[in-house]
Protein backbone atom coordinates (compact mmCIF):
# COMPACT_ATOMS: atom_id res chain seq x y z
CA MET A 1 78.40 -162.44 97.76
CA GLU A 2 82.11 -162.30 97.92
CA ILE A 3 84.06 -163.65 94.89
CA GLY A 4 87.52 -164.30 94.09
CA GLY A 5 89.44 -161.33 94.62
CA TRP A 6 86.75 -158.60 94.20
CA ARG A 7 87.81 -157.32 97.44
CA SER A 8 91.19 -156.99 97.30
CA CYS A 9 90.92 -156.05 92.99
CA ALA A 10 93.28 -158.48 92.30
CA ILE A 11 92.31 -160.47 88.73
CA THR A 12 91.84 -164.09 89.58
CA THR A 13 89.46 -167.08 88.24
CA LEU A 14 86.62 -168.55 89.60
CA GLY A 15 87.36 -172.24 89.05
CA ARG A 16 84.65 -174.88 87.49
CA GLY A 17 81.17 -173.66 87.45
CA GLY A 18 82.93 -169.73 86.89
CA SER A 19 81.06 -169.43 83.79
CA ASP A 20 77.35 -170.34 85.56
CA LEU A 21 78.35 -168.25 88.36
CA THR A 22 79.00 -165.40 86.54
CA ALA A 23 75.60 -165.93 84.76
CA THR A 24 73.65 -166.36 87.76
CA THR A 25 75.35 -163.20 89.37
CA ILE A 26 75.17 -160.83 86.30
CA GLY A 27 71.29 -162.06 86.24
CA LYS A 28 70.27 -161.26 89.67
CA ALA A 29 72.05 -157.92 89.56
CA LEU A 30 69.92 -157.18 86.41
CA GLY A 31 66.86 -158.62 87.65
CA LEU A 32 66.13 -160.79 84.98
CA ARG A 33 63.12 -162.97 84.37
CA GLU A 34 65.21 -165.91 83.39
CA ILE A 35 68.63 -167.13 83.29
CA GLN A 36 69.84 -169.51 80.63
CA VAL A 37 73.18 -171.54 81.14
CA TRP A 38 74.48 -173.54 78.22
CA LYS A 39 76.03 -176.98 77.88
CA ASP A 40 76.67 -179.92 75.96
CA VAL A 41 74.05 -182.09 76.84
CA ASP A 42 70.10 -181.27 76.64
CA GLY A 43 69.71 -180.37 80.24
CA VAL A 44 70.00 -181.88 83.48
CA LEU A 45 69.88 -185.74 82.94
CA THR A 46 68.32 -188.63 84.70
CA CYS A 47 71.89 -190.06 85.33
CA ASP A 48 75.38 -189.99 84.09
CA PRO A 49 75.12 -190.50 80.06
CA ASN A 50 78.85 -192.17 80.30
CA ILE A 51 77.31 -194.60 82.85
CA TYR A 52 73.91 -195.03 81.29
CA PRO A 53 73.81 -193.81 77.54
CA HIS A 54 69.82 -193.61 77.74
CA ALA A 55 69.90 -191.09 80.49
CA GLU A 56 66.71 -188.72 79.47
CA PRO A 57 66.53 -185.12 80.43
CA VAL A 58 64.72 -183.85 83.39
CA PRO A 59 61.92 -181.10 82.33
CA TYR A 60 61.74 -179.38 85.67
CA LEU A 61 63.83 -178.87 88.82
CA THR A 62 63.84 -177.54 92.22
CA PHE A 63 66.60 -175.23 93.57
CA ASP A 64 66.93 -177.95 96.20
CA GLU A 65 67.00 -180.76 93.88
CA ALA A 66 69.52 -179.05 91.73
CA ALA A 67 71.94 -177.94 94.95
CA GLU A 68 71.61 -181.76 95.89
CA LEU A 69 72.65 -182.95 92.34
CA ALA A 70 75.44 -180.77 92.05
CA TYR A 71 76.79 -181.29 95.31
CA PHE A 72 76.38 -185.30 94.82
CA GLY A 73 78.37 -185.31 91.78
CA ALA A 74 76.34 -184.28 88.94
CA GLN A 75 78.73 -182.25 86.43
CA VAL A 76 76.26 -180.19 84.62
CA LEU A 77 75.82 -178.26 87.63
CA HIS A 78 78.44 -176.64 90.38
CA PRO A 79 76.50 -176.48 93.75
CA GLN A 80 77.66 -172.57 94.02
CA SER A 81 76.61 -171.35 90.94
CA MET A 82 72.70 -171.51 91.26
CA ARG A 83 72.97 -169.46 94.75
CA PRO A 84 72.64 -166.10 93.23
CA ALA A 85 69.49 -167.23 90.95
CA ARG A 86 67.92 -168.77 93.83
CA GLU A 87 68.45 -165.97 96.21
CA ALA A 88 66.48 -163.65 93.58
CA ASP A 89 63.89 -166.14 92.63
CA ILE A 90 64.77 -166.15 89.07
CA PRO A 91 64.43 -169.33 87.20
CA VAL A 92 67.34 -170.83 85.37
CA ARG A 93 67.21 -172.97 81.76
CA VAL A 94 69.59 -175.13 81.30
CA LYS A 95 70.13 -175.95 77.36
CA ASN A 96 72.33 -177.50 75.32
CA SER A 97 74.62 -175.56 72.99
CA TYR A 98 74.56 -178.37 69.93
CA ASN A 99 70.94 -178.81 70.09
CA SER A 100 68.85 -175.66 70.47
CA ASN A 101 65.70 -177.07 69.80
CA ALA A 102 65.97 -178.85 72.94
CA PRO A 103 63.60 -177.28 75.57
CA GLY A 104 66.33 -178.22 78.17
CA THR A 105 65.83 -177.95 82.11
CA LEU A 106 63.71 -175.12 83.74
CA ILE A 107 65.21 -174.82 87.57
CA THR A 108 62.73 -173.16 89.71
CA ARG A 109 62.27 -172.66 93.67
CA ALA A 110 59.11 -174.92 93.64
CA ARG A 111 57.26 -177.45 91.11
CA ASP A 112 54.59 -179.57 91.42
CA MET A 113 55.69 -182.87 92.82
CA ARG A 114 52.40 -184.76 93.07
CA LYS A 115 52.99 -187.30 90.51
CA ALA A 116 57.05 -187.14 91.19
CA VAL A 117 58.80 -190.12 92.31
CA LEU A 118 62.69 -190.03 91.27
CA THR A 119 64.02 -187.25 89.18
CA SER A 120 67.61 -188.23 88.96
CA ILE A 121 70.18 -190.68 90.11
CA VAL A 122 74.01 -189.16 90.86
CA LEU A 123 76.67 -191.24 91.62
CA LYS A 124 79.81 -189.84 93.81
CA ARG A 125 82.86 -192.74 93.46
CA ASN A 126 85.78 -193.00 95.92
CA VAL A 127 84.22 -192.14 98.94
CA THR A 128 85.81 -193.28 102.27
CA MET A 129 83.51 -194.63 105.00
CA LEU A 130 83.94 -194.87 108.58
CA ASP A 131 81.89 -196.62 111.23
CA ILE A 132 82.25 -195.04 114.58
CA VAL A 133 80.90 -197.64 117.67
CA SER A 134 80.91 -196.51 121.21
CA THR A 135 78.82 -198.00 124.47
CA ARG A 136 79.62 -194.81 126.03
CA MET A 137 76.78 -192.89 123.55
CA LEU A 138 73.89 -194.39 125.14
CA GLY A 139 72.24 -191.78 126.65
CA GLN A 140 75.37 -189.45 126.60
CA TYR A 141 75.48 -185.67 125.44
CA GLY A 142 78.46 -184.25 123.54
CA PHE A 143 79.30 -187.78 121.88
CA LEU A 144 78.47 -186.14 118.28
CA ALA A 145 80.33 -182.84 119.21
CA LYS A 146 83.35 -184.53 119.84
CA VAL A 147 83.65 -186.73 117.20
CA PHE A 148 82.55 -183.68 114.90
CA SER A 149 85.08 -181.48 116.46
CA ILE A 150 87.92 -183.98 115.47
CA PHE A 151 87.13 -183.46 111.27
CA GLU A 152 86.53 -179.68 112.13
CA ASP A 153 90.17 -179.76 113.75
CA LEU A 154 91.57 -181.39 110.96
CA GLY A 155 89.61 -179.67 108.05
CA ILE A 156 88.02 -182.39 106.54
CA SER A 157 84.59 -182.08 105.38
CA VAL A 158 81.98 -184.93 106.09
CA ASP A 159 79.47 -185.86 103.53
CA VAL A 160 76.53 -188.46 104.70
CA VAL A 161 75.97 -189.15 108.14
CA ALA A 162 73.94 -191.73 110.04
CA THR A 163 73.09 -192.61 113.56
CA SER A 164 72.27 -194.85 116.19
CA GLU A 165 71.96 -194.95 119.95
CA VAL A 166 76.00 -196.46 120.14
CA SER A 167 77.26 -195.53 116.51
CA ILE A 168 77.66 -193.00 113.70
CA SER A 169 78.63 -194.45 110.26
CA LEU A 170 79.26 -191.16 108.05
CA THR A 171 81.36 -190.55 104.59
CA LEU A 172 84.23 -188.23 104.14
CA ASP A 173 84.05 -185.56 100.96
CA PRO A 174 86.08 -186.56 98.61
CA SER A 175 86.36 -183.43 96.79
CA LYS A 176 87.50 -181.76 99.94
CA LEU A 177 90.29 -184.67 100.72
CA TRP A 178 90.99 -186.16 97.21
CA CYS A 179 92.97 -182.77 96.07
CA ARG A 180 95.59 -183.02 98.52
CA GLU A 181 98.71 -185.17 98.06
CA LEU A 182 98.36 -188.78 98.00
CA ILE A 183 101.05 -189.09 101.36
CA GLN A 184 98.55 -186.15 102.92
CA GLN A 185 95.67 -188.03 102.44
CA ALA A 186 96.85 -191.35 103.94
CA SER A 187 98.33 -189.31 106.94
CA GLU A 188 95.19 -187.48 107.44
CA LEU A 189 93.00 -190.45 107.39
CA ASP A 190 95.40 -192.11 109.92
CA HIS A 191 95.28 -188.88 112.17
CA VAL A 192 91.33 -188.97 112.27
CA VAL A 193 91.45 -192.90 113.08
CA GLU A 194 93.85 -192.30 115.79
CA GLU A 195 92.14 -189.33 117.35
CA LEU A 196 88.57 -191.16 116.88
CA GLU A 197 90.19 -194.59 118.45
CA LYS A 198 90.45 -192.47 122.08
CA ILE A 199 86.57 -192.52 122.39
CA ALA A 200 85.44 -195.27 120.20
CA VAL A 201 86.11 -198.51 118.04
CA VAL A 202 86.75 -197.31 114.34
CA ASN A 203 86.28 -199.05 110.99
CA LEU A 204 87.86 -197.51 108.19
CA LEU A 205 85.92 -198.70 104.83
CA GLN A 206 87.37 -196.89 101.42
CA HIS A 207 86.79 -197.60 97.95
CA ARG A 208 83.08 -197.05 98.48
CA SER A 209 80.32 -194.98 96.61
CA ILE A 210 77.43 -192.56 97.32
CA ILE A 211 74.40 -193.13 95.17
CA SER A 212 71.92 -190.28 95.79
CA LEU A 213 68.40 -190.60 94.71
CA ILE A 214 66.88 -186.81 94.08
CA GLY A 215 62.94 -187.25 93.80
CA ASN A 216 60.28 -186.94 95.94
CA VAL A 217 60.86 -188.16 99.47
CA GLN A 218 57.47 -187.64 100.38
CA ARG A 219 57.13 -191.03 98.46
CA SER A 220 60.09 -192.45 100.30
CA SER A 221 58.89 -195.89 100.87
CA LEU A 222 57.65 -196.69 97.59
CA ILE A 223 60.93 -195.48 96.40
CA LEU A 224 63.37 -197.74 98.82
CA GLU A 225 60.75 -200.64 98.40
CA LYS A 226 61.58 -200.57 94.66
CA VAL A 227 65.29 -199.81 95.23
CA PHE A 228 65.79 -202.95 97.56
CA ASN A 229 63.90 -204.93 95.19
CA VAL A 230 66.29 -204.00 92.45
CA LEU A 231 69.00 -204.41 94.49
CA ARG A 232 68.53 -207.60 96.09
CA VAL A 233 68.01 -209.59 92.41
CA LYS A 234 71.47 -207.80 91.75
CA GLY A 235 73.01 -209.13 94.65
CA ILE A 236 74.22 -205.93 95.83
CA ASN A 237 74.64 -205.05 99.60
CA VAL A 238 73.80 -201.46 100.89
CA GLN A 239 76.31 -200.65 103.69
CA MET A 240 74.48 -197.29 104.65
CA ILE A 241 71.38 -195.07 104.04
CA SER A 242 70.66 -191.40 105.01
CA GLN A 243 67.93 -189.07 103.86
CA GLY A 244 69.21 -185.55 103.37
CA ALA A 245 67.57 -182.80 105.54
CA SER A 246 66.31 -180.80 102.28
CA LYS A 247 63.94 -183.89 102.01
CA VAL A 248 64.68 -184.64 98.14
CA ASN A 249 67.76 -187.05 98.58
CA ILE A 250 68.11 -190.14 99.83
CA SER A 251 71.74 -191.54 99.77
CA LEU A 252 73.00 -195.36 99.56
CA ILE A 253 76.52 -196.63 100.24
CA VAL A 254 77.73 -199.15 97.86
CA ASN A 255 81.11 -201.10 97.24
CA ASP A 256 82.76 -198.81 94.50
CA ASP A 257 83.08 -201.77 91.92
CA GLU A 258 79.19 -202.43 92.31
CA ALA A 259 78.23 -198.77 91.92
CA GLU A 260 77.56 -198.35 87.94
CA GLN A 261 76.04 -201.56 87.58
CA CYS A 262 73.46 -200.15 90.90
CA VAL A 263 72.93 -197.10 88.81
CA ARG A 264 72.11 -198.83 85.79
CA SER A 265 69.61 -201.10 87.19
CA LEU A 266 68.02 -198.36 89.18
CA HIS A 267 67.57 -196.34 86.12
CA ALA A 268 66.03 -199.50 84.43
CA ALA A 269 63.58 -199.88 86.90
CA PHE A 270 62.41 -196.13 87.63
CA PHE A 271 62.70 -194.56 84.08
CA GLU A 272 62.35 -197.49 81.65
CA SER A 273 59.95 -199.63 83.73
CA ALA A 274 55.55 -199.61 83.66
CA SER A 275 55.00 -196.34 85.53
CA LEU A 276 54.60 -196.28 89.35
CA ASN A 277 50.88 -195.95 90.84
C-alpha cells in the first residue's frame, strides 16, 4: 500500500483519518492481536448524535459494515483507515478517550448476524441526483457504459445507482465534487447534463440526502416494511432506493429538508420501540 509521499521520501500529511490509518498500518506491520483507535464518543453509534442525542453505541461491527458507515458519512471512521487491519484480519476496537470504561465498538471480519436487524443509520447531505431516461436502453447493450464513461471523462464519482429497463437513477458523490470551487461545480454539472442529453432525457435534482441503513440485509423485507410504515406516517416520499453490493446497506434518497426528521423517526422505530420478531 502506497501512502502519501513514501515513494519519493517527501514529507507529507495523510489528511482526515490519518492517525487511524497510521495506527492500523503499524498494527498490521507488527502483527498485533487488536488495534485500538480512541475517539471522543463511546464507539460507533446508531446514528449521528448531533441529529439525535439519544444515539446508542454499537457493540459489534463487521469490516463491511464499518466501510459502508464510513463511506456514507459516519464521522467516527474514515473509509481507508480500516483497510490495513482488514487485510491482516486484526480486530479494531473504537474507544472513547473521555470515557475509558465504556466497552466501545469491536470491528471484526465476521459476527453473529442471526439476531441482527439494523445496526446504524447514517446520513449524507447535499447530494445531487440524476434521472436518466432513454427508450433506447430497452434491449440494447452498451448504454450503461456510455453513461458511466461520461462521468469517468469528467472525473466525477458516482455514489448510489438504481436501474430499470429504460432509466438510470444515480447520485453524485459530494465529497468528490463539492471540494471544488462553486463555479467549477456548476460548470461540471452543466457539462454532465449536456453530455448525457445527447443519449437520454436528463432530470437533475439537487438538495437531496442519502439515508443509509446499515444492517442485516438478509432481513431486508422486515427492514423495508418498518421503514416505509414510518415514512408513510411522516409523509416523507422516498425518491430512490438502492441495495449495496456489500449486502449490508440499503440506501434511500429523500429531500435535504426532510432528512434529519427521517433519521430521528427511523431511529426511534428501530432502536427504541419493542424488539422486532
